Amino acid sequence: MKLITHNIFSIGLVLYIASYLSYLSVSAVLLAFPATIFTNILIDKVGHDGAGSVPRRTWVTHSVVTAPFWGGLAWALTLIIPAALLGVFPPNLSRLAFFVALGVLSGWSHLFLDSLTEGGVFGIGRRRRALGHLSYDNRAMNLGCSALGFTLFIVALMS
């Protein structure tokens, strides 16, 4: 999937889950945007190698084991760094734990979308699996997943 699709889908999904758990706040909404973008860029930039002329996903970030780690790390840093700069360190630990959990979900949402493409993702062990075999730039799939993410975002804000 395209990076913009990953971002729209992930933001919608994590904010919907936060809303469903009655933990949606202004700070959660404001921090979800940079945290999700950071997660998806981190997973894509760190997790591709340039073997040949086509970038390939690597196990380092595109595994059901490693992607949640990168997502949790990105979300934790997105909360910790501003808290430290504002002099509110350490941040509230329950809020930090919730943000790390949303980061884990963000990492898995990245993998879910990538599993719909022909490159697939790595399962337990180092074997690739794919739920679908679409190209990463399939217009219908990118628009559909973006529309679903946007819908989840709107539903989260309305509840």
Protein backbone atom coordinates (compact mmCIF):
# COMPACT_ATOMS: atom_id res chain seq x y z
CA MET A 1 0.00 0.00 0.00
CA LYS A 2 1.02 3.58 -0.46
CA LEU A 3 2.30 5.50 2.56
CA ILE A 4 -0.66 7.90 2.54
CA THR A 5 -3.03 4.91 2.67
CA HIS A 6 -1.12 3.47 5.63
CA ASN A 7 -1.37 6.80 7.45
CA ILE A 8 -5.09 7.39 6.83
CA PHE A 9 -6.04 3.81 7.70
CA SER A 10 -3.86 3.68 10.84
CA ILE A 11 -5.04 7.04 12.19
CA GLY A 12 -8.67 6.08 11.67
CA LEU A 13 -8.22 2.66 13.26
CA VAL A 14 -6.32 3.76 16.37
CA LEU A 15 -8.64 6.69 17.04
CA TYR A 16 -11.66 4.46 16.57
CA ILE A 17 -10.24 1.98 19.10
CA ALA A 18 -9.44 4.84 21.52
CA SER A 19 -12.99 6.12 21.11
CA TYR A 20 -14.46 2.65 21.58
CA LEU A 21 -12.51 2.29 24.82
CA SER A 22 -13.71 5.77 25.90
CA TYR A 23 -10.16 7.08 25.98
CA LEU A 24 -10.36 9.55 23.13
CA SER A 25 -9.06 12.98 24.13
CA VAL A 26 -7.81 16.08 22.38
CA SER A 27 -4.23 15.09 23.19
CA ALA A 28 -4.80 11.59 21.79
CA VAL A 29 -6.13 13.03 18.54
CA LEU A 30 -3.30 15.57 18.26
CA LEU A 31 -0.56 13.05 19.03
CA ALA A 32 -2.07 10.30 16.86
CA PHE A 33 -1.18 12.12 13.67
CA PRO A 34 2.59 12.51 14.19
CA ALA A 35 2.84 9.15 15.99
CA THR A 36 1.14 7.26 13.16
CA ILE A 37 3.11 9.03 10.47
CA PHE A 38 6.34 8.35 12.41
CA THR A 39 5.39 4.66 12.76
CA ASN A 40 4.64 4.15 9.08
CA ILE A 41 7.70 6.04 7.86
CA LEU A 42 9.89 4.14 10.32
CA ILE A 43 8.52 0.77 9.26
CA ASP A 44 8.90 1.60 5.57
CA LYS A 45 12.30 3.34 5.65
CA VAL A 46 14.03 0.95 8.04
CA GLY A 47 12.30 -2.13 6.68
CA HIS A 48 13.20 -2.12 3.01
CA ASP A 49 16.41 -3.16 1.36
CA GLY A 50 17.41 -2.28 -2.15
CA ALA A 51 18.37 -5.71 -3.46
CA GLY A 52 18.28 -5.19 -7.21
CA SER A 53 16.20 -2.33 -8.52
CA VAL A 54 13.07 -3.16 -6.53
CA PRO A 55 12.87 -2.41 -2.78
CA ARG A 56 11.98 -5.48 -0.73
CA ARG A 57 10.38 -5.69 2.70
CA THR A 58 12.63 -7.14 5.36
CA TRP A 59 11.92 -9.11 8.51
CA VAL A 60 13.37 -6.27 10.59
CA THR A 61 10.11 -4.27 10.44
CA HIS A 62 7.64 -6.28 8.37
CA SER A 63 7.12 -9.18 10.74
CA VAL A 64 4.17 -9.84 13.06
CA VAL A 65 6.78 -9.88 15.81
CA THR A 66 8.82 -6.78 14.97
CA ALA A 67 6.25 -4.32 13.56
CA PRO A 68 4.43 -3.95 16.91
CA PHE A 69 7.78 -3.14 18.55
CA TRP A 70 8.49 -0.33 16.05
CA GLY A 71 4.95 1.01 16.40
CA GLY A 72 5.12 1.01 20.20
CA LEU A 73 8.53 2.67 20.13
CA ALA A 74 7.38 5.39 17.72
CA TRP A 75 4.27 6.16 19.78
CA ALA A 76 6.23 6.16 23.06
CA LEU A 77 8.78 8.60 21.64
CA THR A 78 6.00 10.80 20.28
CA LEU A 79 4.70 11.16 23.84
CA ILE A 80 7.99 11.17 25.76
CA ILE A 81 9.87 13.75 23.69
CA PRO A 82 7.22 16.52 23.95
CA ALA A 83 6.71 15.69 27.64
CA ALA A 84 10.44 16.08 28.27
CA LEU A 85 10.56 19.34 26.31
CA LEU A 86 7.63 20.70 28.32
CA GLY A 87 9.23 19.61 31.60
CA VAL A 88 6.55 17.01 32.34
CA PHE A 89 8.81 14.02 32.60
CA PRO A 90 8.14 11.24 33.14
CA PRO A 91 4.74 11.40 31.47
CA ASN A 92 1.75 9.75 33.09
CA LEU A 93 2.59 6.03 32.98
CA SER A 94 -0.95 4.85 32.28
CA ARG A 95 -1.16 7.29 29.35
CA LEU A 96 2.25 6.10 28.14
CA ALA A 97 1.13 2.46 28.33
CA PHE A 98 -2.04 3.26 26.41
CA PHE A 99 -0.03 5.10 23.74
CA VAL A 100 2.37 2.18 23.42
CA ALA A 101 -0.64 -0.15 22.98
CA LEU A 102 -1.99 2.14 20.25
CA GLY A 103 1.47 2.03 18.66
CA VAL A 104 1.42 -1.76 18.67
CA LEU A 105 -1.95 -1.60 16.92
CA SER A 106 -0.54 0.94 14.46
CA GLY A 107 2.33 -1.42 13.62
CA TRP A 108 -0.06 -4.31 13.05
CA SER A 109 -2.33 -2.14 10.89
CA HIS A 110 0.67 -1.39 8.68
CA LEU A 111 1.28 -5.12 8.35
CA PHE A 112 -2.37 -5.86 7.63
CA LEU A 113 -2.36 -3.50 4.65
CA ASP A 114 0.97 -4.86 3.42
CA SER A 115 -0.36 -8.41 3.71
CA LEU A 116 -2.94 -7.53 1.05
CA THR A 117 -0.16 -6.93 -1.46
CA GLU A 118 1.92 -9.35 -3.46
CA GLY A 119 5.00 -8.84 -1.25
CA GLY A 120 3.21 -10.08 1.86
CA VAL A 121 4.65 -9.88 5.37
CA PHE A 122 6.70 -12.16 7.57
CA GLY A 123 4.91 -14.43 10.02
CA ILE A 124 6.46 -16.22 12.96
CA GLY A 125 9.65 -17.59 11.49
CA ARG A 126 10.95 -15.90 8.41
CA ARG A 127 8.47 -17.00 5.80
CA ARG A 128 6.37 -14.46 3.93
CA ARG A 129 2.61 -14.68 3.88
CA ALA A 130 0.07 -12.68 1.90
CA LEU A 131 -3.70 -12.43 2.34
CA GLY A 132 -4.00 -10.93 -1.13
CA HIS A 133 -1.76 -10.54 -4.12
CA LEU A 134 -2.51 -7.00 -5.29
CA SER A 135 0.18 -4.57 -6.35
CA TYR A 136 1.12 -1.96 -3.74
CA ASP A 137 -0.23 0.82 -5.96
CA ASN A 138 -3.59 -0.80 -6.76
CA ARG A 139 -5.83 2.26 -6.97
CA ALA A 140 -9.05 0.53 -5.85
CA MET A 141 -7.43 -1.07 -2.78
CA ASN A 142 -5.65 2.16 -1.77
CA LEU A 143 -8.84 4.20 -2.15
CA GLY A 144 -10.92 1.57 -0.34
CA CYS A 145 -8.55 1.32 2.63
CA SER A 146 -8.22 5.10 2.78
CA ALA A 147 -12.01 5.47 2.74
CA LEU A 148 -12.32 2.90 5.54
CA GLY A 149 -9.70 4.74 7.61
CA PHE A 150 -11.40 8.09 7.03
CA THR A 151 -14.78 6.59 7.99
CA LEU A 152 -13.32 5.16 11.21
CA PHE A 153 -11.83 8.58 11.97
CA ILE A 154 -15.19 10.33 11.51
CA VAL A 155 -17.03 7.71 13.59
CA ALA A 156 -14.43 8.08 16.36
CA LEU A 157 -14.86 11.85 16.47
CA MET A 158 -18.65 11.64 16.46
CA SER A 159 -18.93 9.21 19.35
